[in-house]
Amino acid sequence: MSDAIAVCHAGKVEQYGAPEDVYAAPATEFVAKFIGSSNWIDEHHMFRPEQADTLPQDDTVRFDTTVKSVQFLGSSYQQQLEYKGKEWSYISHQKNAIGSVLSLYLPKAAIVTV
């Protein structure tokens, strides 16, 4: 693993920095889609799947999603969700029924604008 990485696209450096910083705060849509999984709220706002929770906390935003598929991973379940026509990924220790509504809560600070 490196202390710093550069993400290049079409011969241009899109972002350079520590891997944690590039992952947590992608500078462009390309970087957000290239590094790790991302769930898109709309055209310019995204979050990383591991930042969502099913329990509300202070300063969180609620998103009501529909469970589209569930895959058992051994110790958890990867669930594909739908939110306003967009497909989201969520990993949980609880299996949710396909077709059920799952409310996810996301800290406002976890929403990244690109």
N, C-alpha and C. Protein backbone atom coordinates (compact mmCIF):
# COMPACT_ATOMS: atom_id res chain seq x y z
N MET A 1 0.84 -1.17 0.00
CA MET A 1 0.00 0.00 0.00
C MET A 1 0.89 1.24 0.00
N SER A 2 0.38 2.26 -0.54
CA SER A 2 1.14 3.49 -0.74
C SER A 2 0.70 4.57 0.25
N ASP A 3 1.58 5.54 0.46
CA ASP A 3 1.24 6.70 1.30
C ASP A 3 0.39 7.70 0.54
N ALA A 4 0.52 7.69 -0.79
CA ALA A 4 -0.26 8.59 -1.64
C ALA A 4 -0.57 7.88 -2.94
N ILE A 5 -1.71 8.23 -3.51
CA ILE A 5 -2.09 7.67 -4.80
C ILE A 5 -2.53 8.80 -5.72
N ALA A 6 -2.41 8.54 -7.00
CA ALA A 6 -2.91 9.46 -8.02
C ALA A 6 -3.94 8.69 -8.84
N VAL A 7 -5.09 9.30 -9.04
CA VAL A 7 -6.11 8.72 -9.90
C VAL A 7 -6.09 9.51 -11.19
N CYS A 8 -5.77 8.81 -12.28
CA CYS A 8 -5.66 9.46 -13.59
C CYS A 8 -6.81 9.02 -14.48
N HIS A 9 -7.22 9.93 -15.35
CA HIS A 9 -8.28 9.65 -16.31
C HIS A 9 -8.02 10.48 -17.56
N ALA A 10 -7.99 9.81 -18.67
CA ALA A 10 -7.78 10.47 -19.97
C ALA A 10 -6.51 11.34 -19.96
N GLY A 11 -5.45 10.81 -19.35
CA GLY A 11 -4.17 11.50 -19.34
C GLY A 11 -4.07 12.67 -18.37
N LYS A 12 -5.04 12.79 -17.48
CA LYS A 12 -5.07 13.90 -16.53
C LYS A 12 -5.19 13.34 -15.10
N VAL A 13 -4.48 13.94 -14.16
CA VAL A 13 -4.61 13.56 -12.76
C VAL A 13 -5.91 14.16 -12.23
N GLU A 14 -6.83 13.28 -11.85
CA GLU A 14 -8.12 13.72 -11.30
C GLU A 14 -7.98 14.09 -9.82
N GLN A 15 -7.15 13.29 -9.10
CA GLN A 15 -6.96 13.56 -7.67
C GLN A 15 -5.69 12.87 -7.21
N TYR A 16 -5.00 13.53 -6.29
CA TYR A 16 -3.77 13.00 -5.71
C TYR A 16 -3.86 13.19 -4.20
N GLY A 17 -3.51 12.15 -3.43
CA GLY A 17 -3.52 12.29 -1.98
C GLY A 17 -3.42 10.95 -1.28
N ALA A 18 -3.57 10.99 0.03
CA ALA A 18 -3.58 9.77 0.83
C ALA A 18 -4.78 8.92 0.43
N PRO A 19 -4.62 7.59 0.38
CA PRO A 19 -5.75 6.73 -0.02
C PRO A 19 -7.03 6.99 0.78
N GLU A 20 -6.89 7.20 2.08
CA GLU A 20 -8.07 7.47 2.92
C GLU A 20 -8.78 8.75 2.51
N ASP A 21 -8.00 9.78 2.17
CA ASP A 21 -8.59 11.06 1.76
C ASP A 21 -9.28 10.96 0.40
N VAL A 22 -8.64 10.27 -0.52
CA VAL A 22 -9.23 10.10 -1.86
C VAL A 22 -10.54 9.32 -1.75
N TYR A 23 -10.56 8.28 -0.92
CA TYR A 23 -11.77 7.48 -0.74
C TYR A 23 -12.88 8.29 -0.06
N ALA A 24 -12.53 8.98 1.02
CA ALA A 24 -13.54 9.70 1.81
C ALA A 24 -14.05 10.97 1.14
N ALA A 25 -13.21 11.62 0.35
CA ALA A 25 -13.58 12.89 -0.26
C ALA A 25 -13.14 12.93 -1.72
N PRO A 26 -13.79 12.14 -2.57
CA PRO A 26 -13.41 12.14 -3.99
C PRO A 26 -13.65 13.52 -4.61
N ALA A 27 -12.70 13.96 -5.41
CA ALA A 27 -12.78 15.30 -6.00
C ALA A 27 -13.69 15.36 -7.21
N THR A 28 -13.86 14.23 -7.90
CA THR A 28 -14.68 14.21 -9.11
C THR A 28 -15.57 12.97 -9.13
N GLU A 29 -16.54 12.98 -10.01
CA GLU A 29 -17.42 11.82 -10.18
C GLU A 29 -16.61 10.60 -10.62
N PHE A 30 -15.64 10.79 -11.49
CA PHE A 30 -14.82 9.67 -11.94
C PHE A 30 -14.11 9.01 -10.76
N VAL A 31 -13.50 9.80 -9.89
CA VAL A 31 -12.78 9.26 -8.74
C VAL A 31 -13.75 8.52 -7.82
N ALA A 32 -14.92 9.09 -7.59
CA ALA A 32 -15.93 8.46 -6.71
C ALA A 32 -16.34 7.10 -7.24
N LYS A 33 -16.49 6.98 -8.54
CA LYS A 33 -16.90 5.71 -9.14
C LYS A 33 -15.74 4.73 -9.28
N PHE A 34 -14.52 5.24 -9.42
CA PHE A 34 -13.34 4.40 -9.63
C PHE A 34 -12.84 3.77 -8.33
N ILE A 35 -12.87 4.54 -7.25
CA ILE A 35 -12.34 4.09 -5.96
C ILE A 35 -13.49 3.65 -5.07
N GLY A 36 -13.61 2.36 -4.82
CA GLY A 36 -14.61 1.85 -3.89
C GLY A 36 -16.03 1.90 -4.41
N SER A 37 -16.96 1.52 -3.55
CA SER A 37 -18.39 1.55 -3.87
C SER A 37 -18.97 2.89 -3.48
N SER A 38 -19.90 3.35 -4.27
CA SER A 38 -20.57 4.61 -3.95
C SER A 38 -22.05 4.48 -4.26
N ASN A 39 -22.85 5.07 -3.41
CA ASN A 39 -24.29 5.15 -3.61
C ASN A 39 -24.62 6.60 -3.97
N TRP A 40 -25.28 6.78 -5.10
CA TRP A 40 -25.59 8.12 -5.59
C TRP A 40 -27.00 8.52 -5.17
N ILE A 41 -27.09 9.66 -4.49
CA ILE A 41 -28.38 10.21 -4.07
C ILE A 41 -29.01 10.94 -5.25
N ASP A 42 -28.21 11.72 -5.94
CA ASP A 42 -28.62 12.42 -7.14
C ASP A 42 -27.37 12.61 -8.00
N GLU A 43 -27.45 13.46 -8.97
CA GLU A 43 -26.36 13.63 -9.94
C GLU A 43 -25.04 14.07 -9.31
N HIS A 44 -25.09 14.81 -8.21
CA HIS A 44 -23.88 15.38 -7.63
C HIS A 44 -23.59 14.99 -6.18
N HIS A 45 -24.42 14.15 -5.58
CA HIS A 45 -24.25 13.79 -4.17
C HIS A 45 -24.21 12.28 -4.01
N MET A 46 -23.21 11.82 -3.26
CA MET A 46 -23.03 10.38 -3.04
C MET A 46 -22.56 10.13 -1.63
N PHE A 47 -22.58 8.84 -1.25
CA PHE A 47 -22.02 8.42 0.03
C PHE A 47 -21.50 7.00 -0.12
N ARG A 48 -20.64 6.60 0.79
CA ARG A 48 -20.10 5.25 0.79
C ARG A 48 -21.07 4.35 1.56
N PRO A 49 -21.32 3.14 1.06
CA PRO A 49 -22.33 2.26 1.68
C PRO A 49 -22.12 2.00 3.17
N GLU A 50 -20.87 1.89 3.61
CA GLU A 50 -20.62 1.57 5.02
C GLU A 50 -20.97 2.72 5.97
N GLN A 51 -21.29 3.89 5.44
CA GLN A 51 -21.63 5.03 6.28
C GLN A 51 -23.10 5.06 6.68
N ALA A 52 -23.92 4.24 6.04
CA ALA A 52 -25.35 4.20 6.33
C ALA A 52 -25.64 3.26 7.50
N ASP A 53 -26.72 3.54 8.20
CA ASP A 53 -27.15 2.72 9.33
C ASP A 53 -28.67 2.64 9.31
N THR A 54 -29.22 1.67 10.01
CA THR A 54 -30.68 1.55 10.09
C THR A 54 -31.24 2.20 11.35
N LEU A 55 -30.36 2.77 12.17
CA LEU A 55 -30.80 3.46 13.38
C LEU A 55 -30.52 4.96 13.26
N PRO A 56 -31.53 5.78 13.56
CA PRO A 56 -31.30 7.23 13.46
C PRO A 56 -30.35 7.70 14.56
N GLN A 57 -29.54 8.65 14.22
CA GLN A 57 -28.64 9.31 15.17
C GLN A 57 -28.84 10.81 15.04
N ASP A 58 -28.15 11.58 15.85
CA ASP A 58 -28.21 13.03 15.72
C ASP A 58 -27.66 13.44 14.37
N ASP A 59 -28.31 14.41 13.75
CA ASP A 59 -27.84 15.01 12.50
C ASP A 59 -27.74 14.00 11.35
N THR A 60 -28.75 13.13 11.23
CA THR A 60 -28.78 12.19 10.12
C THR A 60 -29.95 12.51 9.19
N VAL A 61 -29.84 12.04 7.97
CA VAL A 61 -30.89 12.17 6.96
C VAL A 61 -31.45 10.78 6.71
N ARG A 62 -32.77 10.69 6.59
CA ARG A 62 -33.44 9.40 6.37
C ARG A 62 -33.72 9.20 4.89
N PHE A 63 -33.44 7.99 4.42
CA PHE A 63 -33.73 7.60 3.05
C PHE A 63 -34.51 6.30 3.09
N ASP A 64 -35.72 6.30 2.53
CA ASP A 64 -36.53 5.08 2.47
C ASP A 64 -36.23 4.38 1.15
N THR A 65 -35.71 3.16 1.25
CA THR A 65 -35.31 2.39 0.08
C THR A 65 -36.15 1.12 0.00
N THR A 66 -36.10 0.46 -1.15
CA THR A 66 -36.77 -0.81 -1.34
C THR A 66 -35.72 -1.88 -1.59
N VAL A 67 -35.83 -2.99 -0.87
CA VAL A 67 -34.88 -4.10 -1.02
C VAL A 67 -35.18 -4.82 -2.34
N LYS A 68 -34.18 -4.88 -3.23
CA LYS A 68 -34.34 -5.52 -4.53
C LYS A 68 -33.75 -6.92 -4.57
N SER A 69 -32.63 -7.14 -3.87
CA SER A 69 -32.03 -8.47 -3.81
C SER A 69 -31.18 -8.58 -2.56
N VAL A 70 -30.95 -9.82 -2.13
CA VAL A 70 -30.17 -10.09 -0.93
C VAL A 70 -29.23 -11.25 -1.23
N GLN A 71 -27.95 -11.06 -0.90
CA GLN A 71 -26.97 -12.12 -1.11
C GLN A 71 -26.28 -12.41 0.21
N PHE A 72 -26.30 -13.68 0.62
CA PHE A 72 -25.65 -14.10 1.86
C PHE A 72 -24.14 -14.16 1.64
N LEU A 73 -23.37 -13.51 2.53
CA LEU A 73 -21.91 -13.45 2.41
C LEU A 73 -21.19 -14.25 3.48
N GLY A 74 -21.92 -15.00 4.26
CA GLY A 74 -21.31 -15.79 5.33
C GLY A 74 -21.58 -15.19 6.69
N SER A 75 -21.09 -14.00 6.95
CA SER A 75 -21.34 -13.34 8.23
C SER A 75 -22.25 -12.13 8.09
N SER A 76 -22.63 -11.82 6.86
CA SER A 76 -23.50 -10.67 6.61
C SER A 76 -24.25 -10.86 5.30
N TYR A 77 -25.08 -9.88 4.96
CA TYR A 77 -25.87 -9.91 3.74
C TYR A 77 -25.59 -8.66 2.93
N GLN A 78 -25.27 -8.84 1.66
CA GLN A 78 -25.18 -7.69 0.76
C GLN A 78 -26.55 -7.52 0.14
N GLN A 79 -27.08 -6.31 0.30
CA GLN A 79 -28.43 -6.05 -0.18
C GLN A 79 -28.39 -4.95 -1.22
N GLN A 80 -29.06 -5.22 -2.32
CA GLN A 80 -29.20 -4.21 -3.36
C GLN A 80 -30.53 -3.51 -3.11
N LEU A 81 -30.46 -2.20 -3.04
CA LEU A 81 -31.62 -1.39 -2.71
C LEU A 81 -31.93 -0.45 -3.87
N GLU A 82 -33.17 0.03 -3.91
CA GLU A 82 -33.54 1.04 -4.89
C GLU A 82 -33.95 2.30 -4.14
N TYR A 83 -33.41 3.43 -4.60
CA TYR A 83 -33.80 4.73 -4.06
C TYR A 83 -34.02 5.67 -5.25
N LYS A 84 -35.26 6.04 -5.48
CA LYS A 84 -35.62 6.97 -6.55
C LYS A 84 -34.98 6.58 -7.89
N GLY A 85 -35.09 5.30 -8.23
CA GLY A 85 -34.59 4.82 -9.51
C GLY A 85 -33.10 4.53 -9.55
N LYS A 86 -32.40 4.76 -8.45
CA LYS A 86 -30.97 4.48 -8.38
C LYS A 86 -30.74 3.21 -7.56
N GLU A 87 -29.72 2.44 -7.93
CA GLU A 87 -29.40 1.21 -7.21
C GLU A 87 -28.32 1.49 -6.17
N TRP A 88 -28.60 1.10 -4.93
CA TRP A 88 -27.66 1.27 -3.83
C TRP A 88 -27.26 -0.10 -3.30
N SER A 89 -26.10 -0.14 -2.66
CA SER A 89 -25.61 -1.34 -2.01
C SER A 89 -25.54 -1.07 -0.51
N TYR A 90 -25.88 -2.10 0.27
CA TYR A 90 -25.84 -1.97 1.73
C TYR A 90 -25.50 -3.33 2.32
N ILE A 91 -24.57 -3.37 3.25
CA ILE A 91 -24.21 -4.62 3.92
C ILE A 91 -24.73 -4.58 5.34
N SER A 92 -25.42 -5.67 5.72
CA SER A 92 -26.07 -5.73 7.02
C SER A 92 -25.92 -7.13 7.60
N HIS A 93 -26.00 -7.22 8.92
CA HIS A 93 -26.01 -8.52 9.58
C HIS A 93 -27.42 -9.09 9.64
N GLN A 94 -28.40 -8.26 9.24
CA GLN A 94 -29.80 -8.69 9.25
C GLN A 94 -30.29 -8.85 7.82
N LYS A 95 -30.94 -9.96 7.54
CA LYS A 95 -31.52 -10.19 6.22
C LYS A 95 -32.87 -9.50 6.15
N ASN A 96 -33.07 -8.72 5.11
CA ASN A 96 -34.34 -8.05 4.89
C ASN A 96 -35.06 -8.69 3.71
N ALA A 97 -36.35 -8.76 3.78
CA ALA A 97 -37.15 -9.40 2.73
C ALA A 97 -37.14 -8.57 1.45
N ILE A 98 -37.03 -9.27 0.33
CA ILE A 98 -37.12 -8.59 -0.97
C ILE A 98 -38.48 -7.93 -1.08
N GLY A 99 -38.48 -6.67 -1.51
CA GLY A 99 -39.71 -5.89 -1.63
C GLY A 99 -40.03 -5.06 -0.41
N SER A 100 -39.34 -5.32 0.70
CA SER A 100 -39.61 -4.54 1.92
C SER A 100 -38.97 -3.16 1.83
N VAL A 101 -39.50 -2.25 2.62
CA VAL A 101 -38.94 -0.90 2.71
C VAL A 101 -37.92 -0.90 3.83
N LEU A 102 -36.73 -0.41 3.52
CA LEU A 102 -35.65 -0.32 4.50
C LEU A 102 -35.26 1.15 4.62
N SER A 103 -35.40 1.69 5.82
CA SER A 103 -35.00 3.08 6.06
C SER A 103 -33.53 3.11 6.45
N LEU A 104 -32.75 3.88 5.70
CA LEU A 104 -31.33 4.08 6.01
C LEU A 104 -31.14 5.49 6.52
N TYR A 105 -30.25 5.62 7.49
CA TYR A 105 -29.93 6.92 8.07
C TYR A 105 -28.46 7.21 7.79
N LEU A 106 -28.22 8.42 7.35
CA LEU A 106 -26.89 8.81 6.92
C LEU A 106 -26.51 10.13 7.58
N PRO A 107 -25.33 10.19 8.23
CA PRO A 107 -24.89 11.48 8.77
C PRO A 107 -24.76 12.49 7.64
N LYS A 108 -25.23 13.71 7.88
CA LYS A 108 -25.14 14.75 6.86
C LYS A 108 -23.69 14.93 6.40
N ALA A 109 -22.75 14.79 7.30
CA ALA A 109 -21.33 14.97 6.96
C ALA A 109 -20.81 13.89 6.02
N ALA A 110 -21.53 12.76 5.91
CA ALA A 110 -21.08 11.66 5.05
C ALA A 110 -21.49 11.87 3.59
N ILE A 111 -22.35 12.84 3.34
CA ILE A 111 -22.78 13.10 1.96
C ILE A 111 -21.72 13.96 1.27
N VAL A 112 -21.18 13.42 0.18
CA VAL A 112 -20.10 14.06 -0.56
C VAL A 112 -20.68 14.72 -1.81
N THR A 113 -20.29 15.95 -2.06
CA THR A 113 -20.69 16.65 -3.29
C THR A 113 -19.54 16.57 -4.28
N VAL A 114 -19.84 16.08 -5.49
CA VAL A 114 -18.82 16.01 -6.54
C VAL A 114 -19.31 16.71 -7.79
